Amino acid sequence: MRRVVCTLAVCAGLVAGAIWVFFNGLPLPVTAADRAALLTARDLEPWIPGFAADAGEESTKKRMNFFLSRGIDTQYVYENLKAPSVGLLCNVREEPTEQDAADSFESLVAATRFSSRLLGFGRLLDSRIPLPSLTEQEDILRWGDSSRFIFMSLGSSKSTTFVARKGKRVFALLLVGPRIEDDGLRRVLLPRLEAISRG
């Protein structure tokens, strides 16, 4: 009886582990080539007055995902609540096919637009809440098969989203904080995009 219980416990553990991996992804080692393609908080220091990356917390991880689609995500996350407040998420995703990558690109753009509409619902509860402003631009930096900037502001809060696709790879950046000038955006992004092209 004890052997049966132990066997069931092991099987349950294996099933639970398989479910966790399915929904959370399989961790992979982050390589130097992966890091070269990620925009980090230190890259932004020259472009945001008074900003010091050491004042915040950062993390980098890489996972093979199985939920909804099979792809590999390498992600960098940074948060700094001290003035000037900066939040940064940079993700490079490799899809199995170019069509999957094109779908991911369109989904990211649609999700950003939708988030703006969600923020707008706050005005229904309180008329003093400002409506979000959304601006899309493709001419600041054209790269790969598709690329787009989406700038959003809600009162004093601002965010910059950049999504680009080349072949099977999709690059996504979300910067919450001060708006960086167009030339600065090009200069910090191009080395990362070139690293993706070499990868």
N, C-alpha and C. Protein backbone atom coordinates (compact mmCIF):
# COMPACT_ATOMS: atom_id res chain seq x y z
N MET A 1 0.81 -1.21 0.00
CA MET A 1 0.00 0.00 0.00
C MET A 1 0.85 1.26 0.00
N ARG A 2 1.90 1.22 0.82
CA ARG A 2 2.79 2.37 0.90
C ARG A 2 3.46 2.64 -0.44
N ARG A 3 3.82 1.55 -1.16
CA ARG A 3 4.45 1.70 -2.47
C ARG A 3 3.49 2.37 -3.46
N VAL A 4 2.21 1.98 -3.39
CA VAL A 4 1.20 2.57 -4.27
C VAL A 4 1.06 4.06 -3.99
N VAL A 5 1.00 4.40 -2.69
CA VAL A 5 0.88 5.81 -2.30
C VAL A 5 2.08 6.62 -2.79
N CYS A 6 3.28 6.07 -2.62
CA CYS A 6 4.50 6.75 -3.07
C CYS A 6 4.50 6.93 -4.58
N THR A 7 4.04 5.89 -5.29
CA THR A 7 4.00 5.96 -6.76
C THR A 7 3.02 7.04 -7.20
N LEU A 8 1.84 7.08 -6.55
CA LEU A 8 0.85 8.10 -6.88
C LEU A 8 1.38 9.50 -6.58
N ALA A 9 2.09 9.64 -5.47
CA ALA A 9 2.65 10.94 -5.09
C ALA A 9 3.67 11.41 -6.11
N VAL A 10 4.52 10.47 -6.57
CA VAL A 10 5.52 10.82 -7.59
C VAL A 10 4.84 11.22 -8.89
N CYS A 11 3.82 10.45 -9.30
CA CYS A 11 3.09 10.76 -10.54
C CYS A 11 2.41 12.11 -10.44
N ALA A 12 1.80 12.39 -9.28
CA ALA A 12 1.13 13.68 -9.08
C ALA A 12 2.14 14.82 -9.15
N GLY A 13 3.32 14.59 -8.57
CA GLY A 13 4.36 15.61 -8.63
C GLY A 13 4.83 15.87 -10.05
N LEU A 14 4.97 14.80 -10.83
CA LEU A 14 5.40 14.94 -12.22
C LEU A 14 4.35 15.68 -13.04
N VAL A 15 3.07 15.34 -12.80
CA VAL A 15 1.98 16.02 -13.52
C VAL A 15 1.94 17.49 -13.15
N ALA A 16 2.06 17.79 -11.85
CA ALA A 16 2.06 19.18 -11.39
C ALA A 16 3.23 19.94 -12.00
N GLY A 17 4.40 19.30 -12.06
CA GLY A 17 5.56 19.95 -12.67
C GLY A 17 5.37 20.20 -14.14
N ALA A 18 4.76 19.24 -14.84
CA ALA A 18 4.50 19.41 -16.27
C ALA A 18 3.52 20.55 -16.52
N ILE A 19 2.48 20.64 -15.66
CA ILE A 19 1.50 21.74 -15.80
C ILE A 19 2.18 23.08 -15.55
N TRP A 20 3.04 23.15 -14.52
CA TRP A 20 3.74 24.40 -14.22
C TRP A 20 4.60 24.83 -15.39
N VAL A 21 5.36 23.89 -15.96
CA VAL A 21 6.22 24.20 -17.11
C VAL A 21 5.37 24.65 -18.30
N PHE A 22 4.20 24.02 -18.50
CA PHE A 22 3.35 24.37 -19.63
C PHE A 22 2.89 25.82 -19.55
N PHE A 23 2.49 26.26 -18.35
CA PHE A 23 1.96 27.61 -18.21
C PHE A 23 3.03 28.66 -17.92
N ASN A 24 4.14 28.26 -17.30
CA ASN A 24 5.16 29.23 -16.90
C ASN A 24 6.42 29.19 -17.75
N GLY A 25 6.57 28.15 -18.56
CA GLY A 25 7.73 28.06 -19.41
C GLY A 25 8.89 27.32 -18.77
N LEU A 26 9.79 26.90 -19.62
CA LEU A 26 10.97 26.17 -19.17
C LEU A 26 12.15 27.14 -19.10
N PRO A 27 12.74 27.34 -17.91
CA PRO A 27 13.86 28.29 -17.79
C PRO A 27 15.05 27.86 -18.64
N LEU A 28 15.68 28.85 -19.28
CA LEU A 28 16.87 28.61 -20.10
C LEU A 28 17.97 29.58 -19.67
N PRO A 29 19.23 29.23 -19.91
CA PRO A 29 20.32 30.14 -19.56
C PRO A 29 20.34 31.36 -20.48
N VAL A 30 20.60 32.53 -19.90
CA VAL A 30 20.71 33.78 -20.67
C VAL A 30 22.15 33.92 -21.15
N THR A 31 22.34 34.00 -22.46
CA THR A 31 23.68 34.08 -23.04
C THR A 31 24.10 35.54 -23.26
N ALA A 32 25.37 35.72 -23.57
CA ALA A 32 25.88 37.07 -23.87
C ALA A 32 25.16 37.65 -25.10
N ALA A 33 24.87 36.80 -26.08
CA ALA A 33 24.15 37.26 -27.27
C ALA A 33 22.74 37.71 -26.91
N ASP A 34 22.11 37.02 -25.96
CA ASP A 34 20.77 37.43 -25.49
C ASP A 34 20.84 38.81 -24.86
N ARG A 35 21.81 39.02 -23.99
CA ARG A 35 21.93 40.30 -23.28
C ARG A 35 22.22 41.45 -24.25
N ALA A 36 22.96 41.17 -25.30
CA ALA A 36 23.30 42.21 -26.26
C ALA A 36 22.07 42.75 -26.98
N ALA A 37 21.00 41.95 -27.05
CA ALA A 37 19.79 42.36 -27.75
C ALA A 37 18.78 43.06 -26.84
N LEU A 38 19.08 43.13 -25.54
CA LEU A 38 18.14 43.73 -24.60
C LEU A 38 18.54 45.14 -24.22
N LEU A 39 17.60 46.05 -24.29
CA LEU A 39 17.83 47.42 -23.82
C LEU A 39 17.71 47.43 -22.30
N THR A 40 18.67 48.02 -21.62
CA THR A 40 18.67 48.03 -20.16
C THR A 40 18.59 49.46 -19.63
N ALA A 41 18.39 49.57 -18.33
CA ALA A 41 18.28 50.88 -17.70
C ALA A 41 19.56 51.70 -17.87
N ARG A 42 20.70 51.05 -17.85
CA ARG A 42 21.97 51.78 -18.00
C ARG A 42 22.06 52.45 -19.37
N ASP A 43 21.46 51.84 -20.37
CA ASP A 43 21.47 52.44 -21.71
C ASP A 43 20.72 53.77 -21.74
N LEU A 44 19.80 53.95 -20.79
CA LEU A 44 18.96 55.16 -20.78
C LEU A 44 19.54 56.30 -19.96
N GLU A 45 20.55 56.02 -19.16
CA GLU A 45 21.09 57.05 -18.26
C GLU A 45 21.47 58.35 -18.97
N PRO A 46 22.15 58.29 -20.14
CA PRO A 46 22.54 59.57 -20.78
C PRO A 46 21.35 60.37 -21.31
N TRP A 47 20.18 59.74 -21.42
CA TRP A 47 19.04 60.37 -22.09
C TRP A 47 17.95 60.83 -21.13
N ILE A 48 18.08 60.49 -19.83
CA ILE A 48 17.09 60.92 -18.84
C ILE A 48 17.82 61.70 -17.75
N PRO A 49 17.69 63.02 -17.71
CA PRO A 49 18.40 63.84 -16.72
C PRO A 49 18.12 63.39 -15.29
N GLY A 50 19.19 63.23 -14.52
CA GLY A 50 19.06 62.87 -13.11
C GLY A 50 18.79 61.41 -12.84
N PHE A 51 18.74 60.61 -13.89
CA PHE A 51 18.42 59.19 -13.71
C PHE A 51 19.67 58.37 -13.47
N ALA A 52 19.64 57.50 -12.44
CA ALA A 52 20.74 56.59 -12.13
C ALA A 52 20.17 55.18 -12.03
N ALA A 53 20.62 54.29 -12.89
CA ALA A 53 20.08 52.94 -12.95
C ALA A 53 20.30 52.17 -11.65
N ASP A 54 21.37 52.49 -10.93
CA ASP A 54 21.67 51.77 -9.68
C ASP A 54 20.59 51.96 -8.62
N ALA A 55 19.74 52.98 -8.78
CA ALA A 55 18.72 53.26 -7.77
C ALA A 55 17.53 52.30 -7.85
N GLY A 56 17.46 51.49 -8.90
CA GLY A 56 16.32 50.59 -9.08
C GLY A 56 16.72 49.13 -9.02
N GLU A 57 15.76 48.27 -9.32
CA GLU A 57 15.97 46.83 -9.32
C GLU A 57 15.73 46.28 -10.71
N GLU A 58 16.55 45.29 -11.11
CA GLU A 58 16.44 44.74 -12.45
C GLU A 58 16.52 43.22 -12.41
N SER A 59 15.97 42.59 -13.44
CA SER A 59 16.05 41.13 -13.55
C SER A 59 16.04 40.76 -15.03
N THR A 60 16.70 39.66 -15.35
CA THR A 60 16.75 39.14 -16.72
C THR A 60 16.47 37.65 -16.68
N LYS A 61 15.59 37.19 -17.55
CA LYS A 61 15.29 35.75 -17.60
C LYS A 61 14.97 35.34 -19.03
N LYS A 62 15.11 34.04 -19.24
CA LYS A 62 14.83 33.47 -20.57
C LYS A 62 14.03 32.19 -20.37
N ARG A 63 12.95 32.06 -21.16
CA ARG A 63 12.09 30.89 -21.01
C ARG A 63 11.59 30.40 -22.36
N MET A 64 11.46 29.09 -22.46
CA MET A 64 10.78 28.49 -23.59
C MET A 64 9.33 28.28 -23.17
N ASN A 65 8.41 28.87 -23.93
CA ASN A 65 7.00 28.83 -23.57
C ASN A 65 6.24 27.80 -24.39
N PHE A 66 5.22 27.23 -23.78
CA PHE A 66 4.40 26.22 -24.44
C PHE A 66 2.93 26.61 -24.47
N PHE A 67 2.54 27.60 -23.64
CA PHE A 67 1.14 28.00 -23.55
C PHE A 67 0.78 28.90 -24.74
N LEU A 68 -0.28 28.56 -25.45
CA LEU A 68 -0.78 29.27 -26.63
C LEU A 68 0.13 29.11 -27.84
N SER A 69 1.41 29.42 -27.69
CA SER A 69 2.33 29.22 -28.82
C SER A 69 3.70 28.85 -28.27
N ARG A 70 4.46 28.13 -29.09
CA ARG A 70 5.80 27.72 -28.68
C ARG A 70 6.79 28.78 -29.14
N GLY A 71 7.34 29.49 -28.19
CA GLY A 71 8.33 30.51 -28.50
C GLY A 71 9.31 30.65 -27.36
N ILE A 72 10.40 31.34 -27.62
CA ILE A 72 11.42 31.58 -26.59
C ILE A 72 11.46 33.07 -26.30
N ASP A 73 11.24 33.43 -25.04
CA ASP A 73 11.25 34.83 -24.61
C ASP A 73 12.47 35.11 -23.75
N THR A 74 13.18 36.18 -24.09
CA THR A 74 14.25 36.70 -23.24
C THR A 74 13.80 38.08 -22.78
N GLN A 75 13.72 38.26 -21.47
CA GLN A 75 13.07 39.46 -20.94
C GLN A 75 13.93 40.16 -19.88
N TYR A 76 13.95 41.48 -19.98
CA TYR A 76 14.63 42.32 -19.00
C TYR A 76 13.57 43.23 -18.38
N VAL A 77 13.55 43.30 -17.03
CA VAL A 77 12.59 44.14 -16.32
C VAL A 77 13.33 45.02 -15.34
N TYR A 78 12.96 46.31 -15.32
CA TYR A 78 13.61 47.27 -14.41
C TYR A 78 12.54 48.16 -13.80
N GLU A 79 12.72 48.48 -12.51
CA GLU A 79 11.78 49.39 -11.85
C GLU A 79 12.54 50.28 -10.88
N ASN A 80 12.24 51.58 -10.96
CA ASN A 80 12.84 52.57 -10.08
C ASN A 80 11.76 53.57 -9.71
N LEU A 81 11.36 53.60 -8.45
CA LEU A 81 10.28 54.49 -8.03
C LEU A 81 10.78 55.85 -7.56
N LYS A 82 12.11 56.02 -7.50
CA LYS A 82 12.66 57.31 -7.09
C LYS A 82 12.68 58.26 -8.28
N ALA A 83 12.53 59.54 -8.01
CA ALA A 83 12.51 60.54 -9.08
C ALA A 83 13.88 60.62 -9.77
N PRO A 84 13.90 60.64 -11.11
CA PRO A 84 12.75 60.45 -11.99
C PRO A 84 12.34 58.97 -12.06
N SER A 85 11.05 58.71 -11.83
CA SER A 85 10.55 57.34 -11.82
C SER A 85 10.64 56.73 -13.21
N VAL A 86 11.20 55.51 -13.29
CA VAL A 86 11.38 54.84 -14.58
C VAL A 86 11.02 53.36 -14.44
N GLY A 87 10.21 52.88 -15.36
CA GLY A 87 9.91 51.45 -15.45
C GLY A 87 10.25 50.99 -16.86
N LEU A 88 10.88 49.85 -16.98
CA LEU A 88 11.33 49.39 -18.30
C LEU A 88 11.11 47.89 -18.43
N LEU A 89 10.51 47.50 -19.54
CA LEU A 89 10.38 46.09 -19.88
C LEU A 89 10.84 45.93 -21.32
N CYS A 90 11.80 45.05 -21.53
CA CYS A 90 12.31 44.78 -22.88
C CYS A 90 12.26 43.27 -23.10
N ASN A 91 11.63 42.86 -24.20
CA ASN A 91 11.45 41.44 -24.47
C ASN A 91 11.81 41.12 -25.92
N VAL A 92 12.59 40.07 -26.09
CA VAL A 92 12.89 39.57 -27.43
C VAL A 92 12.30 38.16 -27.52
N ARG A 93 11.42 37.97 -28.49
CA ARG A 93 10.75 36.68 -28.63
C ARG A 93 11.10 36.05 -29.97
N GLU A 94 11.46 34.79 -29.93
CA GLU A 94 11.72 34.03 -31.15
C GLU A 94 10.58 33.03 -31.35
N GLU A 95 9.88 33.17 -32.47
CA GLU A 95 8.74 32.32 -32.77
C GLU A 95 9.15 31.17 -33.69
N PRO A 96 8.34 30.11 -33.75
CA PRO A 96 8.67 28.98 -34.65
C PRO A 96 8.64 29.37 -36.13
N THR A 97 7.73 30.28 -36.51
CA THR A 97 7.60 30.66 -37.92
C THR A 97 7.48 32.17 -38.05
N GLU A 98 7.69 32.67 -39.25
CA GLU A 98 7.55 34.11 -39.50
C GLU A 98 6.10 34.55 -39.34
N GLN A 99 5.15 33.68 -39.68
CA GLN A 99 3.74 34.03 -39.50
C GLN A 99 3.40 34.18 -38.02
N ASP A 100 3.95 33.29 -37.20
CA ASP A 100 3.74 33.41 -35.75
C ASP A 100 4.30 34.74 -35.25
N ALA A 101 5.47 35.13 -35.76
CA ALA A 101 6.09 36.40 -35.36
C ALA A 101 5.23 37.58 -35.80
N ALA A 102 4.67 37.51 -37.01
CA ALA A 102 3.79 38.57 -37.50
C ALA A 102 2.55 38.68 -36.63
N ASP A 103 2.01 37.54 -36.23
CA ASP A 103 0.83 37.54 -35.35
C ASP A 103 1.17 38.15 -33.99
N SER A 104 2.36 37.82 -33.46
CA SER A 104 2.79 38.38 -32.17
C SER A 104 2.94 39.88 -32.25
N PHE A 105 3.50 40.37 -33.35
CA PHE A 105 3.66 41.81 -33.56
C PHE A 105 2.31 42.50 -33.52
N GLU A 106 1.35 41.99 -34.28
CA GLU A 106 0.03 42.60 -34.33
C GLU A 106 -0.67 42.52 -32.98
N SER A 107 -0.47 41.42 -32.25
CA SER A 107 -1.10 41.26 -30.94
C SER A 107 -0.56 42.29 -29.95
N LEU A 108 0.74 42.54 -30.00
CA LEU A 108 1.35 43.52 -29.09
C LEU A 108 0.85 44.93 -29.38
N VAL A 109 0.73 45.27 -30.65
CA VAL A 109 0.21 46.59 -31.02
C VAL A 109 -1.24 46.72 -30.57
N ALA A 110 -2.05 45.68 -30.81
CA ALA A 110 -3.46 45.71 -30.41
C ALA A 110 -3.61 45.81 -28.89
N ALA A 111 -2.75 45.09 -28.15
CA ALA A 111 -2.82 45.12 -26.69
C ALA A 111 -2.50 46.51 -26.15
N THR A 112 -1.55 47.20 -26.78
CA THR A 112 -1.21 48.55 -26.34
C THR A 112 -2.37 49.50 -26.59
N ARG A 113 -3.00 49.39 -27.74
CA ARG A 113 -4.18 50.23 -28.03
C ARG A 113 -5.30 49.94 -27.02
N PHE A 114 -5.50 48.66 -26.73
CA PHE A 114 -6.57 48.28 -25.82
C PHE A 114 -6.32 48.82 -24.41
N SER A 115 -5.04 48.81 -23.98
CA SER A 115 -4.72 49.33 -22.64
C SER A 115 -5.09 50.80 -22.53
N SER A 116 -4.96 51.54 -23.64
CA SER A 116 -5.35 52.95 -23.64
C SER A 116 -6.85 53.08 -23.43
N ARG A 117 -7.62 52.22 -24.08
CA ARG A 117 -9.08 52.27 -23.91
C ARG A 117 -9.48 51.91 -22.48
N LEU A 118 -8.78 50.93 -21.89
CA LEU A 118 -9.08 50.57 -20.51
C LEU A 118 -8.84 51.74 -19.56
N LEU A 119 -7.73 52.46 -19.78
CA LEU A 119 -7.45 53.62 -18.94
C LEU A 119 -8.52 54.68 -19.09
N GLY A 120 -9.10 54.77 -20.29
CA GLY A 120 -10.14 55.75 -20.54
C GLY A 120 -11.42 55.49 -19.76
N PHE A 121 -11.63 54.22 -19.33
CA PHE A 121 -12.83 53.89 -18.58
C PHE A 121 -12.86 54.58 -17.21
N GLY A 122 -11.67 54.95 -16.71
CA GLY A 122 -11.62 55.62 -15.42
C GLY A 122 -12.39 56.92 -15.42
N ARG A 123 -12.50 57.53 -16.59
CA ARG A 123 -13.22 58.81 -16.69
C ARG A 123 -14.72 58.62 -16.44
N LEU A 124 -15.22 57.41 -16.67
CA LEU A 124 -16.63 57.14 -16.41
C LEU A 124 -16.94 57.20 -14.92
N LEU A 125 -15.92 56.88 -14.10
CA LEU A 125 -16.08 56.90 -12.65
C LEU A 125 -15.82 58.27 -12.06
N ASP A 126 -14.92 59.01 -12.69
CA ASP A 126 -14.54 60.33 -12.18
C ASP A 126 -14.20 61.23 -13.36
N SER A 127 -15.02 62.23 -13.59
CA SER A 127 -14.82 63.12 -14.75
C SER A 127 -13.55 63.94 -14.65
N ARG A 128 -12.94 63.98 -13.46
CA ARG A 128 -11.69 64.74 -13.32
C ARG A 128 -10.48 63.97 -13.85
N ILE A 129 -10.65 62.67 -14.05
CA ILE A 129 -9.56 61.86 -14.60
C ILE A 129 -9.38 62.19 -16.07
N PRO A 130 -8.18 62.56 -16.50
CA PRO A 130 -7.98 62.93 -17.91
C PRO A 130 -8.07 61.72 -18.83
N LEU A 131 -8.46 61.97 -20.06
CA LEU A 131 -8.48 60.90 -21.06
C LEU A 131 -7.06 60.62 -21.54
N PRO A 132 -6.72 59.36 -21.77
CA PRO A 132 -5.37 59.07 -22.28
C PRO A 132 -5.21 59.54 -23.72
N SER A 133 -4.00 59.93 -24.03
CA SER A 133 -3.66 60.36 -25.39
C SER A 133 -2.75 59.30 -26.01
N LEU A 134 -3.08 58.87 -27.23
CA LEU A 134 -2.33 57.81 -27.90
C LEU A 134 -1.87 58.29 -29.27
N THR A 135 -0.57 58.15 -29.53
CA THR A 135 -0.01 58.54 -30.82
C THR A 135 0.85 57.41 -31.36
N GLU A 136 0.63 57.04 -32.61
CA GLU A 136 1.42 55.99 -33.25
C GLU A 136 2.29 56.60 -34.35
N GLN A 137 3.56 56.16 -34.39
CA GLN A 137 4.49 56.66 -35.39
C GLN A 137 5.35 55.52 -35.93
N GLU A 138 5.55 55.53 -37.22
CA GLU A 138 6.40 54.52 -37.86
C GLU A 138 7.67 55.11 -38.44
N ASP A 139 7.75 56.45 -38.52
CA ASP A 139 8.86 57.07 -39.23
C ASP A 139 10.06 57.41 -38.34
N ILE A 140 9.94 57.25 -37.03
CA ILE A 140 11.08 57.56 -36.15
C ILE A 140 12.21 56.58 -36.38
N LEU A 141 11.85 55.30 -36.48
CA LEU A 141 12.84 54.26 -36.71
C LEU A 141 12.18 53.12 -37.47
N ARG A 142 12.56 52.96 -38.72
CA ARG A 142 12.03 51.85 -39.52
C ARG A 142 13.06 50.72 -39.49
N TRP A 143 12.59 49.54 -39.07
CA TRP A 143 13.52 48.42 -38.94
C TRP A 143 12.78 47.12 -39.23
N GLY A 144 13.48 46.20 -39.87
CA GLY A 144 12.95 44.87 -40.09
C GLY A 144 11.75 44.85 -41.01
N ASP A 145 10.87 43.88 -40.78
CA ASP A 145 9.68 43.72 -41.60
C ASP A 145 8.56 44.66 -41.17
N SER A 146 8.52 44.98 -39.88
CA SER A 146 7.51 45.89 -39.33
C SER A 146 8.07 46.54 -38.08
N SER A 147 7.72 47.80 -37.86
CA SER A 147 8.14 48.47 -36.63
C SER A 147 7.20 49.64 -36.36
N ARG A 148 6.99 49.92 -35.07
CA ARG A 148 6.06 50.99 -34.72
C ARG A 148 6.31 51.49 -33.31
N PHE A 149 6.23 52.81 -33.15
CA PHE A 149 6.25 53.44 -31.84
C PHE A 149 4.82 53.79 -31.46
N ILE A 150 4.49 53.62 -30.18
CA ILE A 150 3.20 54.06 -29.66
C ILE A 150 3.48 54.85 -28.38
N PHE A 151 3.12 56.12 -28.42
CA PHE A 151 3.33 57.00 -27.26
C PHE A 151 1.98 57.22 -26.58
N MET A 152 1.96 57.04 -25.27
CA MET A 152 0.72 57.24 -24.52
C MET A 152 0.99 58.15 -23.33
N SER A 153 0.04 59.03 -23.06
CA SER A 153 0.15 59.90 -21.89
C SER A 153 -1.20 59.97 -21.20
N LEU A 154 -1.15 60.01 -19.87
CA LEU A 154 -2.35 60.14 -19.05
C LEU A 154 -2.00 61.11 -17.94
N GLY A 155 -2.40 62.36 -18.12
CA GLY A 155 -1.98 63.38 -17.18
C GLY A 155 -0.47 63.56 -17.26
N SER A 156 0.21 63.42 -16.12
CA SER A 156 1.67 63.56 -16.11
C SER A 156 2.39 62.24 -16.40
N SER A 157 1.64 61.14 -16.46
CA SER A 157 2.24 59.83 -16.73
C SER A 157 2.43 59.61 -18.22
N LYS A 158 3.61 59.12 -18.61
CA LYS A 158 3.90 58.91 -20.02
C LYS A 158 4.52 57.52 -20.23
N SER A 159 4.24 56.94 -21.39
CA SER A 159 4.86 55.67 -21.72
C SER A 159 5.23 55.64 -23.19
N THR A 160 6.30 54.92 -23.48
CA THR A 160 6.76 54.73 -24.86
C THR A 160 6.80 53.22 -25.12
N THR A 161 6.11 52.81 -26.17
CA THR A 161 6.14 51.40 -26.58
C THR A 161 6.74 51.33 -27.98
N PHE A 162 7.67 50.40 -28.17
CA PHE A 162 8.24 50.16 -29.48
C PHE A 162 8.17 48.67 -29.76
N VAL A 163 7.58 48.32 -30.89
CA VAL A 163 7.46 46.93 -31.28
C VAL A 163 8.03 46.78 -32.69
N ALA A 164 8.86 45.77 -32.90
CA ALA A 164 9.47 45.55 -34.21
C ALA A 164 9.59 44.05 -34.47
N ARG A 165 9.54 43.71 -35.74
CA ARG A 165 9.67 42.30 -36.13
C ARG A 165 10.62 42.17 -37.30
N LYS A 166 11.46 41.14 -37.22
CA LYS A 166 12.32 40.79 -38.34
C LYS A 166 12.39 39.27 -38.42
N GLY A 167 11.86 38.70 -39.48
CA GLY A 167 11.84 37.25 -39.60
C GLY A 167 11.01 36.63 -38.50
N LYS A 168 11.64 35.73 -37.73
CA LYS A 168 10.93 35.04 -36.66
C LYS A 168 11.07 35.73 -35.30
N ARG A 169 11.77 36.86 -35.26
CA ARG A 169 12.02 37.53 -33.99
C ARG A 169 11.16 38.79 -33.84
N VAL A 170 10.69 39.00 -32.61
CA VAL A 170 9.89 40.17 -32.28
C VAL A 170 10.55 40.88 -31.09
N PHE A 171 10.81 42.16 -31.26
CA PHE A 171 11.40 42.98 -30.21
C PHE A 171 10.31 43.89 -29.66
N ALA A 172 10.17 43.92 -28.33
CA ALA A 172 9.16 44.76 -27.71
C ALA A 172 9.77 45.53 -26.54
N LEU A 173 9.47 46.82 -26.49
CA LEU A 173 9.98 47.69 -25.43
C LEU A 173 8.83 48.50 -24.85
N LEU A 174 8.75 48.53 -23.52
CA LEU A 174 7.81 49.41 -22.83
C LEU A 174 8.60 50.24 -21.83
N LEU A 175 8.58 51.53 -22.02
CA LEU A 175 9.26 52.46 -21.12
C LEU A 175 8.22 53.37 -20.48
N VAL A 176 8.11 53.29 -19.16
CA VAL A 176 7.21 54.17 -18.42
C VAL A 176 8.07 55.18 -17.69
N GLY A 177 7.89 56.45 -18.04
CA GLY A 177 8.72 57.50 -17.45
C GLY A 177 8.89 58.63 -18.44
N PRO A 178 9.95 59.43 -18.27
CA PRO A 178 10.15 60.59 -19.13
C PRO A 178 10.24 60.20 -20.61
N ARG A 179 9.73 61.05 -21.47
CA ARG A 179 9.78 60.83 -22.92
C ARG A 179 11.17 61.17 -23.42
N ILE A 180 11.80 60.23 -24.11
CA ILE A 180 13.13 60.43 -24.68
C ILE A 180 12.97 60.98 -26.10
N GLU A 181 13.82 61.92 -26.47
CA GLU A 181 13.76 62.51 -27.81
C GLU A 181 13.98 61.44 -28.89
N ASP A 182 13.46 61.73 -30.09
CA ASP A 182 13.51 60.75 -31.18
C ASP A 182 14.93 60.29 -31.48
N ASP A 183 15.88 61.22 -31.51
CA ASP A 183 17.26 60.84 -31.81
C ASP A 183 17.83 59.92 -30.74
N GLY A 184 17.48 60.19 -29.50
CA GLY A 184 17.94 59.33 -28.41
C GLY A 184 17.35 57.93 -28.52
N LEU A 185 16.08 57.85 -28.90
CA LEU A 185 15.45 56.54 -29.08
C LEU A 185 16.16 55.73 -30.16
N ARG A 186 16.47 56.40 -31.26
CA ARG A 186 17.16 55.70 -32.35
C ARG A 186 18.54 55.22 -31.89
N ARG A 187 19.25 56.04 -31.17
CA ARG A 187 20.62 55.71 -30.78
C ARG A 187 20.69 54.60 -29.73
N VAL A 188 19.67 54.49 -28.86
CA VAL A 188 19.71 53.41 -27.87
C VAL A 188 19.15 52.11 -28.45
N LEU A 189 18.25 52.22 -29.42
CA LEU A 189 17.61 51.02 -29.94
C LEU A 189 18.40 50.33 -31.05
N LEU A 190 19.04 51.10 -31.90
CA LEU A 190 19.71 50.50 -33.06
C LEU A 190 20.75 49.44 -32.70
N PRO A 191 21.61 49.65 -31.69
CA PRO A 191 22.58 48.59 -31.34
C PRO A 191 21.89 47.30 -30.91
N ARG A 192 20.73 47.39 -30.24
CA ARG A 192 20.01 46.20 -29.82
C ARG A 192 19.39 45.47 -31.03
N LEU A 193 18.85 46.26 -31.93
CA LEU A 193 18.23 45.66 -33.11
C LEU A 193 19.29 45.04 -34.02
N GLU A 194 20.45 45.66 -34.10
CA GLU A 194 21.54 45.09 -34.88
C GLU A 194 22.01 43.76 -34.28
N ALA A 195 21.99 43.69 -32.93
CA ALA A 195 22.38 42.44 -32.25
C ALA A 195 21.38 41.32 -32.59
N ILE A 196 20.09 41.69 -32.71
CA ILE A 196 19.09 40.70 -33.09
C ILE A 196 19.36 40.21 -34.51
N SER A 197 19.73 41.13 -35.40
CA SER A 197 20.02 40.75 -36.79
C SER A 197 21.20 39.79 -36.89
N ARG A 198 22.19 39.98 -36.00
CA ARG A 198 23.36 39.10 -36.02
C ARG A 198 23.06 37.73 -35.40
N GLY A 199 22.02 37.68 -34.54
CA GLY A 199 21.73 36.46 -33.79
C GLY A 199 21.18 35.34 -34.66
